[in-house]
Amino acid sequence: MGTVTHTIQAVPINHYILLASLLFTIGVMGVLVRRNAIVIFMSIELMLNAVNILLAAFSAYRGDASGQVFVFFIMAVAAAEVAVGLAIIVMIYRNTRSIDINILNKLKG
């Protein structure tokens, strides 16, 4: 287990921050620009994974396992979100024959 920590600490923390920032930015742009519900859910998952990368990297650098525990809980919440989100998308598709977010405005009435 000690070699993994030394390997992670061999890469500067700035590289992890840059990677996570890039992934988070791609996720935000996917949520804001795209209109497909599945792509929006994938973008949200990408943002959660960017946070997980930072939590795991900071946890390894500090030698504290609490960040890795948070990663475990975030992954559990993300799995539940995917299950519920896909069920909602399937039901919307059955009713409207589309998963375009703009069509969902019809459901308000």
N, C-alpha and C. Protein backbone atom coordinates (compact mmCIF):
# COMPACT_ATOMS: atom_id res chain seq x y z
N MET A 1 0.82 -1.19 0.00
CA MET A 1 0.00 0.00 0.00
C MET A 1 0.86 1.25 0.00
N GLY A 2 2.05 1.15 0.56
CA GLY A 2 2.94 2.31 0.62
C GLY A 2 3.44 2.74 -0.74
N THR A 3 3.59 1.80 -1.69
CA THR A 3 4.07 2.17 -3.01
C THR A 3 3.04 2.96 -3.80
N VAL A 4 1.78 2.70 -3.56
CA VAL A 4 0.74 3.46 -4.25
C VAL A 4 0.77 4.91 -3.80
N THR A 5 0.94 5.14 -2.52
CA THR A 5 1.01 6.51 -2.00
C THR A 5 2.22 7.24 -2.57
N HIS A 6 3.35 6.56 -2.64
CA HIS A 6 4.54 7.20 -3.19
C HIS A 6 4.37 7.50 -4.67
N THR A 7 3.68 6.64 -5.39
CA THR A 7 3.44 6.87 -6.81
C THR A 7 2.52 8.07 -7.01
N ILE A 8 1.47 8.15 -6.22
CA ILE A 8 0.54 9.28 -6.33
C ILE A 8 1.24 10.58 -5.95
N GLN A 9 2.06 10.55 -4.93
CA GLN A 9 2.75 11.76 -4.51
C GLN A 9 3.87 12.15 -5.45
N ALA A 10 4.29 11.25 -6.35
CA ALA A 10 5.32 11.59 -7.33
C ALA A 10 4.77 12.54 -8.39
N VAL A 11 3.48 12.48 -8.65
CA VAL A 11 2.84 13.41 -9.58
C VAL A 11 2.45 14.66 -8.80
N PRO A 12 2.82 15.84 -9.28
CA PRO A 12 2.47 17.07 -8.55
C PRO A 12 0.95 17.24 -8.41
N ILE A 13 0.55 17.81 -7.30
CA ILE A 13 -0.88 18.00 -7.02
C ILE A 13 -1.52 18.94 -8.04
N ASN A 14 -0.73 19.81 -8.63
CA ASN A 14 -1.27 20.73 -9.64
C ASN A 14 -1.81 19.97 -10.85
N HIS A 15 -1.21 18.83 -11.19
CA HIS A 15 -1.70 18.04 -12.32
C HIS A 15 -3.07 17.45 -12.02
N TYR A 16 -3.28 17.01 -10.80
CA TYR A 16 -4.59 16.49 -10.42
C TYR A 16 -5.64 17.61 -10.43
N ILE A 17 -5.25 18.77 -9.95
CA ILE A 17 -6.18 19.90 -9.94
C ILE A 17 -6.53 20.32 -11.36
N LEU A 18 -5.54 20.34 -12.25
CA LEU A 18 -5.79 20.71 -13.64
C LEU A 18 -6.70 19.68 -14.33
N LEU A 19 -6.43 18.40 -14.11
CA LEU A 19 -7.28 17.35 -14.70
C LEU A 19 -8.71 17.45 -14.19
N ALA A 20 -8.87 17.60 -12.90
CA ALA A 20 -10.22 17.68 -12.33
C ALA A 20 -10.95 18.94 -12.80
N SER A 21 -10.22 20.04 -12.90
CA SER A 21 -10.84 21.28 -13.39
C SER A 21 -11.30 21.13 -14.83
N LEU A 22 -10.48 20.48 -15.65
CA LEU A 22 -10.85 20.26 -17.04
C LEU A 22 -12.08 19.36 -17.15
N LEU A 23 -12.10 18.27 -16.39
CA LEU A 23 -13.26 17.37 -16.42
C LEU A 23 -14.52 18.06 -15.90
N PHE A 24 -14.37 18.85 -14.85
CA PHE A 24 -15.53 19.55 -14.30
C PHE A 24 -16.07 20.58 -15.30
N THR A 25 -15.16 21.28 -15.98
CA THR A 25 -15.58 22.27 -16.97
C THR A 25 -16.29 21.61 -18.14
N ILE A 26 -15.79 20.47 -18.60
CA ILE A 26 -16.47 19.74 -19.67
C ILE A 26 -17.86 19.30 -19.21
N GLY A 27 -17.98 18.87 -17.96
CA GLY A 27 -19.27 18.48 -17.43
C GLY A 27 -20.25 19.64 -17.35
N VAL A 28 -19.78 20.79 -16.90
CA VAL A 28 -20.66 21.97 -16.81
C VAL A 28 -21.11 22.40 -18.20
N MET A 29 -20.19 22.38 -19.15
CA MET A 29 -20.57 22.76 -20.52
C MET A 29 -21.57 21.76 -21.10
N GLY A 30 -21.42 20.49 -20.76
CA GLY A 30 -22.38 19.49 -21.23
C GLY A 30 -23.77 19.71 -20.67
N VAL A 31 -23.84 20.13 -19.41
CA VAL A 31 -25.15 20.39 -18.79
C VAL A 31 -25.78 21.65 -19.38
N LEU A 32 -24.98 22.67 -19.63
CA LEU A 32 -25.52 23.95 -20.09
C LEU A 32 -25.85 23.95 -21.58
N VAL A 33 -25.09 23.23 -22.39
CA VAL A 33 -25.23 23.34 -23.84
C VAL A 33 -26.13 22.27 -24.42
N ARG A 34 -26.01 21.04 -23.96
CA ARG A 34 -26.73 19.94 -24.58
C ARG A 34 -28.19 19.90 -24.13
N ARG A 35 -29.04 19.36 -24.99
CA ARG A 35 -30.47 19.25 -24.67
C ARG A 35 -30.92 17.81 -24.51
N ASN A 36 -30.03 16.86 -24.71
CA ASN A 36 -30.37 15.46 -24.58
C ASN A 36 -30.24 15.07 -23.10
N ALA A 37 -31.26 14.46 -22.56
CA ALA A 37 -31.29 14.14 -21.13
C ALA A 37 -30.19 13.15 -20.75
N ILE A 38 -29.89 12.20 -21.61
CA ILE A 38 -28.86 11.22 -21.30
C ILE A 38 -27.49 11.88 -21.25
N VAL A 39 -27.22 12.79 -22.18
CA VAL A 39 -25.95 13.51 -22.18
C VAL A 39 -25.83 14.39 -20.94
N ILE A 40 -26.93 14.95 -20.50
CA ILE A 40 -26.90 15.78 -19.29
C ILE A 40 -26.57 14.92 -18.08
N PHE A 41 -27.16 13.73 -17.99
CA PHE A 41 -26.83 12.84 -16.87
C PHE A 41 -25.36 12.40 -16.93
N MET A 42 -24.86 12.13 -18.13
CA MET A 42 -23.45 11.77 -18.25
C MET A 42 -22.54 12.93 -17.85
N SER A 43 -22.95 14.15 -18.14
CA SER A 43 -22.17 15.32 -17.76
C SER A 43 -22.16 15.50 -16.24
N ILE A 44 -23.27 15.23 -15.60
CA ILE A 44 -23.32 15.29 -14.14
C ILE A 44 -22.40 14.24 -13.53
N GLU A 45 -22.40 13.06 -14.11
CA GLU A 45 -21.49 12.00 -13.63
C GLU A 45 -20.04 12.41 -13.82
N LEU A 46 -19.73 13.09 -14.91
CA LEU A 46 -18.38 13.57 -15.16
C LEU A 46 -17.96 14.59 -14.11
N MET A 47 -18.88 15.44 -13.71
CA MET A 47 -18.57 16.42 -12.66
C MET A 47 -18.34 15.73 -11.32
N LEU A 48 -19.14 14.72 -11.01
CA LEU A 48 -18.94 13.98 -9.77
C LEU A 48 -17.59 13.25 -9.77
N ASN A 49 -17.20 12.71 -10.91
CA ASN A 49 -15.91 12.03 -11.00
C ASN A 49 -14.75 13.00 -10.87
N ALA A 50 -14.91 14.23 -11.34
CA ALA A 50 -13.87 15.23 -11.17
C ALA A 50 -13.66 15.53 -9.68
N VAL A 51 -14.75 15.62 -8.95
CA VAL A 51 -14.66 15.83 -7.51
C VAL A 51 -14.01 14.63 -6.83
N ASN A 52 -14.34 13.43 -7.29
CA ASN A 52 -13.75 12.22 -6.73
C ASN A 52 -12.24 12.18 -6.95
N ILE A 53 -11.79 12.62 -8.10
CA ILE A 53 -10.34 12.66 -8.37
C ILE A 53 -9.65 13.58 -7.38
N LEU A 54 -10.21 14.74 -7.16
CA LEU A 54 -9.60 15.68 -6.21
C LEU A 54 -9.61 15.14 -4.79
N LEU A 55 -10.73 14.57 -4.38
CA LEU A 55 -10.79 14.02 -3.03
C LEU A 55 -9.78 12.90 -2.83
N ALA A 56 -9.64 12.02 -3.81
CA ALA A 56 -8.68 10.92 -3.69
C ALA A 56 -7.25 11.44 -3.71
N ALA A 57 -6.96 12.43 -4.55
CA ALA A 57 -5.60 12.97 -4.63
C ALA A 57 -5.23 13.69 -3.33
N PHE A 58 -6.11 14.52 -2.83
CA PHE A 58 -5.81 15.23 -1.58
C PHE A 58 -5.71 14.26 -0.41
N SER A 59 -6.52 13.22 -0.44
CA SER A 59 -6.46 12.22 0.61
C SER A 59 -5.11 11.50 0.60
N ALA A 60 -4.62 11.18 -0.58
CA ALA A 60 -3.32 10.50 -0.68
C ALA A 60 -2.18 11.43 -0.28
N TYR A 61 -2.28 12.69 -0.65
CA TYR A 61 -1.21 13.63 -0.30
C TYR A 61 -1.14 13.90 1.19
N ARG A 62 -2.29 13.91 1.84
CA ARG A 62 -2.30 14.16 3.28
C ARG A 62 -2.11 12.89 4.09
N GLY A 63 -2.24 11.74 3.45
CA GLY A 63 -2.12 10.49 4.17
C GLY A 63 -3.31 10.20 5.06
N ASP A 64 -4.46 10.78 4.71
CA ASP A 64 -5.68 10.63 5.50
C ASP A 64 -6.72 9.92 4.64
N ALA A 65 -7.39 8.95 5.21
CA ALA A 65 -8.35 8.15 4.43
C ALA A 65 -9.74 8.77 4.37
N SER A 66 -9.96 9.90 5.00
CA SER A 66 -11.32 10.47 5.02
C SER A 66 -11.78 10.90 3.64
N GLY A 67 -10.88 11.38 2.79
CA GLY A 67 -11.26 11.73 1.42
C GLY A 67 -11.71 10.53 0.63
N GLN A 68 -11.09 9.39 0.86
CA GLN A 68 -11.48 8.18 0.16
C GLN A 68 -12.84 7.67 0.65
N VAL A 69 -13.15 7.92 1.90
CA VAL A 69 -14.48 7.56 2.42
C VAL A 69 -15.55 8.42 1.74
N PHE A 70 -15.26 9.71 1.56
CA PHE A 70 -16.20 10.59 0.85
C PHE A 70 -16.39 10.13 -0.59
N VAL A 71 -15.31 9.68 -1.23
CA VAL A 71 -15.41 9.18 -2.60
C VAL A 71 -16.36 7.98 -2.65
N PHE A 72 -16.27 7.11 -1.66
CA PHE A 72 -17.17 5.95 -1.61
C PHE A 72 -18.63 6.40 -1.53
N PHE A 73 -18.92 7.37 -0.68
CA PHE A 73 -20.30 7.84 -0.54
C PHE A 73 -20.78 8.56 -1.79
N ILE A 74 -19.90 9.33 -2.42
CA ILE A 74 -20.28 10.02 -3.66
C ILE A 74 -20.59 9.00 -4.75
N MET A 75 -19.81 7.93 -4.83
CA MET A 75 -20.09 6.89 -5.82
C MET A 75 -21.42 6.20 -5.56
N ALA A 76 -21.76 6.00 -4.29
CA ALA A 76 -23.04 5.38 -3.95
C ALA A 76 -24.20 6.30 -4.34
N VAL A 77 -24.06 7.59 -4.07
CA VAL A 77 -25.10 8.55 -4.45
C VAL A 77 -25.21 8.64 -5.97
N ALA A 78 -24.08 8.61 -6.67
CA ALA A 78 -24.10 8.68 -8.13
C ALA A 78 -24.78 7.46 -8.72
N ALA A 79 -24.56 6.29 -8.14
CA ALA A 79 -25.22 5.08 -8.64
C ALA A 79 -26.73 5.16 -8.43
N ALA A 80 -27.15 5.68 -7.30
CA ALA A 80 -28.59 5.85 -7.05
C ALA A 80 -29.17 6.88 -8.00
N GLU A 81 -28.43 7.94 -8.25
CA GLU A 81 -28.89 8.99 -9.17
C GLU A 81 -29.06 8.45 -10.57
N VAL A 82 -28.14 7.62 -11.01
CA VAL A 82 -28.25 7.02 -12.34
C VAL A 82 -29.46 6.11 -12.42
N ALA A 83 -29.69 5.32 -11.42
CA ALA A 83 -30.83 4.40 -11.44
C ALA A 83 -32.15 5.16 -11.50
N VAL A 84 -32.30 6.16 -10.66
CA VAL A 84 -33.54 6.95 -10.66
C VAL A 84 -33.66 7.78 -11.92
N GLY A 85 -32.55 8.39 -12.33
CA GLY A 85 -32.57 9.24 -13.53
C GLY A 85 -32.91 8.46 -14.79
N LEU A 86 -32.33 7.29 -14.95
CA LEU A 86 -32.65 6.49 -16.13
C LEU A 86 -34.09 6.00 -16.10
N ALA A 87 -34.60 5.69 -14.93
CA ALA A 87 -36.01 5.30 -14.84
C ALA A 87 -36.92 6.46 -15.25
N ILE A 88 -36.57 7.66 -14.83
CA ILE A 88 -37.36 8.84 -15.22
C ILE A 88 -37.26 9.08 -16.73
N ILE A 89 -36.06 8.93 -17.28
CA ILE A 89 -35.88 9.13 -18.72
C ILE A 89 -36.68 8.10 -19.51
N VAL A 90 -36.70 6.86 -19.07
CA VAL A 90 -37.48 5.82 -19.76
C VAL A 90 -38.97 6.17 -19.72
N MET A 91 -39.45 6.62 -18.59
CA MET A 91 -40.88 6.98 -18.50
C MET A 91 -41.21 8.20 -19.36
N ILE A 92 -40.31 9.17 -19.41
CA ILE A 92 -40.55 10.34 -20.27
C ILE A 92 -40.55 9.92 -21.73
N TYR A 93 -39.63 9.03 -22.10
CA TYR A 93 -39.57 8.57 -23.49
C TYR A 93 -40.84 7.80 -23.86
N ARG A 94 -41.36 7.01 -22.94
CA ARG A 94 -42.60 6.26 -23.23
C ARG A 94 -43.77 7.20 -23.47
N ASN A 95 -43.79 8.33 -22.76
CA ASN A 95 -44.92 9.26 -22.89
C ASN A 95 -44.77 10.23 -24.06
N THR A 96 -43.55 10.70 -24.33
CA THR A 96 -43.36 11.75 -25.34
C THR A 96 -42.63 11.27 -26.59
N ARG A 97 -42.05 10.08 -26.59
CA ARG A 97 -41.26 9.53 -27.70
C ARG A 97 -40.05 10.40 -28.03
N SER A 98 -39.56 11.13 -27.03
CA SER A 98 -38.35 11.94 -27.19
C SER A 98 -37.73 12.15 -25.81
N ILE A 99 -36.42 12.37 -25.81
CA ILE A 99 -35.74 12.69 -24.54
C ILE A 99 -35.14 14.09 -24.60
N ASP A 100 -35.69 14.93 -25.49
CA ASP A 100 -35.26 16.31 -25.59
C ASP A 100 -35.80 17.09 -24.40
N ILE A 101 -34.94 17.86 -23.77
CA ILE A 101 -35.32 18.62 -22.57
C ILE A 101 -36.36 19.68 -22.90
N ASN A 102 -36.31 20.27 -24.08
CA ASN A 102 -37.27 21.32 -24.45
C ASN A 102 -38.70 20.79 -24.54
N ILE A 103 -38.86 19.54 -24.88
CA ILE A 103 -40.21 18.95 -24.97
C ILE A 103 -40.82 18.79 -23.58
N LEU A 104 -40.00 18.72 -22.57
CA LEU A 104 -40.52 18.53 -21.20
C LEU A 104 -41.31 19.73 -20.70
N ASN A 105 -41.20 20.88 -21.36
CA ASN A 105 -42.01 22.05 -20.97
C ASN A 105 -43.50 21.79 -21.15
N LYS A 106 -43.85 20.85 -22.05
CA LYS A 106 -45.26 20.50 -22.23
C LYS A 106 -45.85 19.83 -21.01
N LEU A 107 -45.02 19.21 -20.20
CA LEU A 107 -45.50 18.47 -19.04
C LEU A 107 -45.91 19.39 -17.88
N LYS A 108 -45.60 20.68 -17.97
CA LYS A 108 -45.92 21.61 -16.88
C LYS A 108 -47.41 21.84 -16.75
N GLY A 109 -48.12 21.82 -17.84
CA GLY A 109 -49.54 22.17 -17.87
C GLY A 109 -50.39 21.21 -17.17
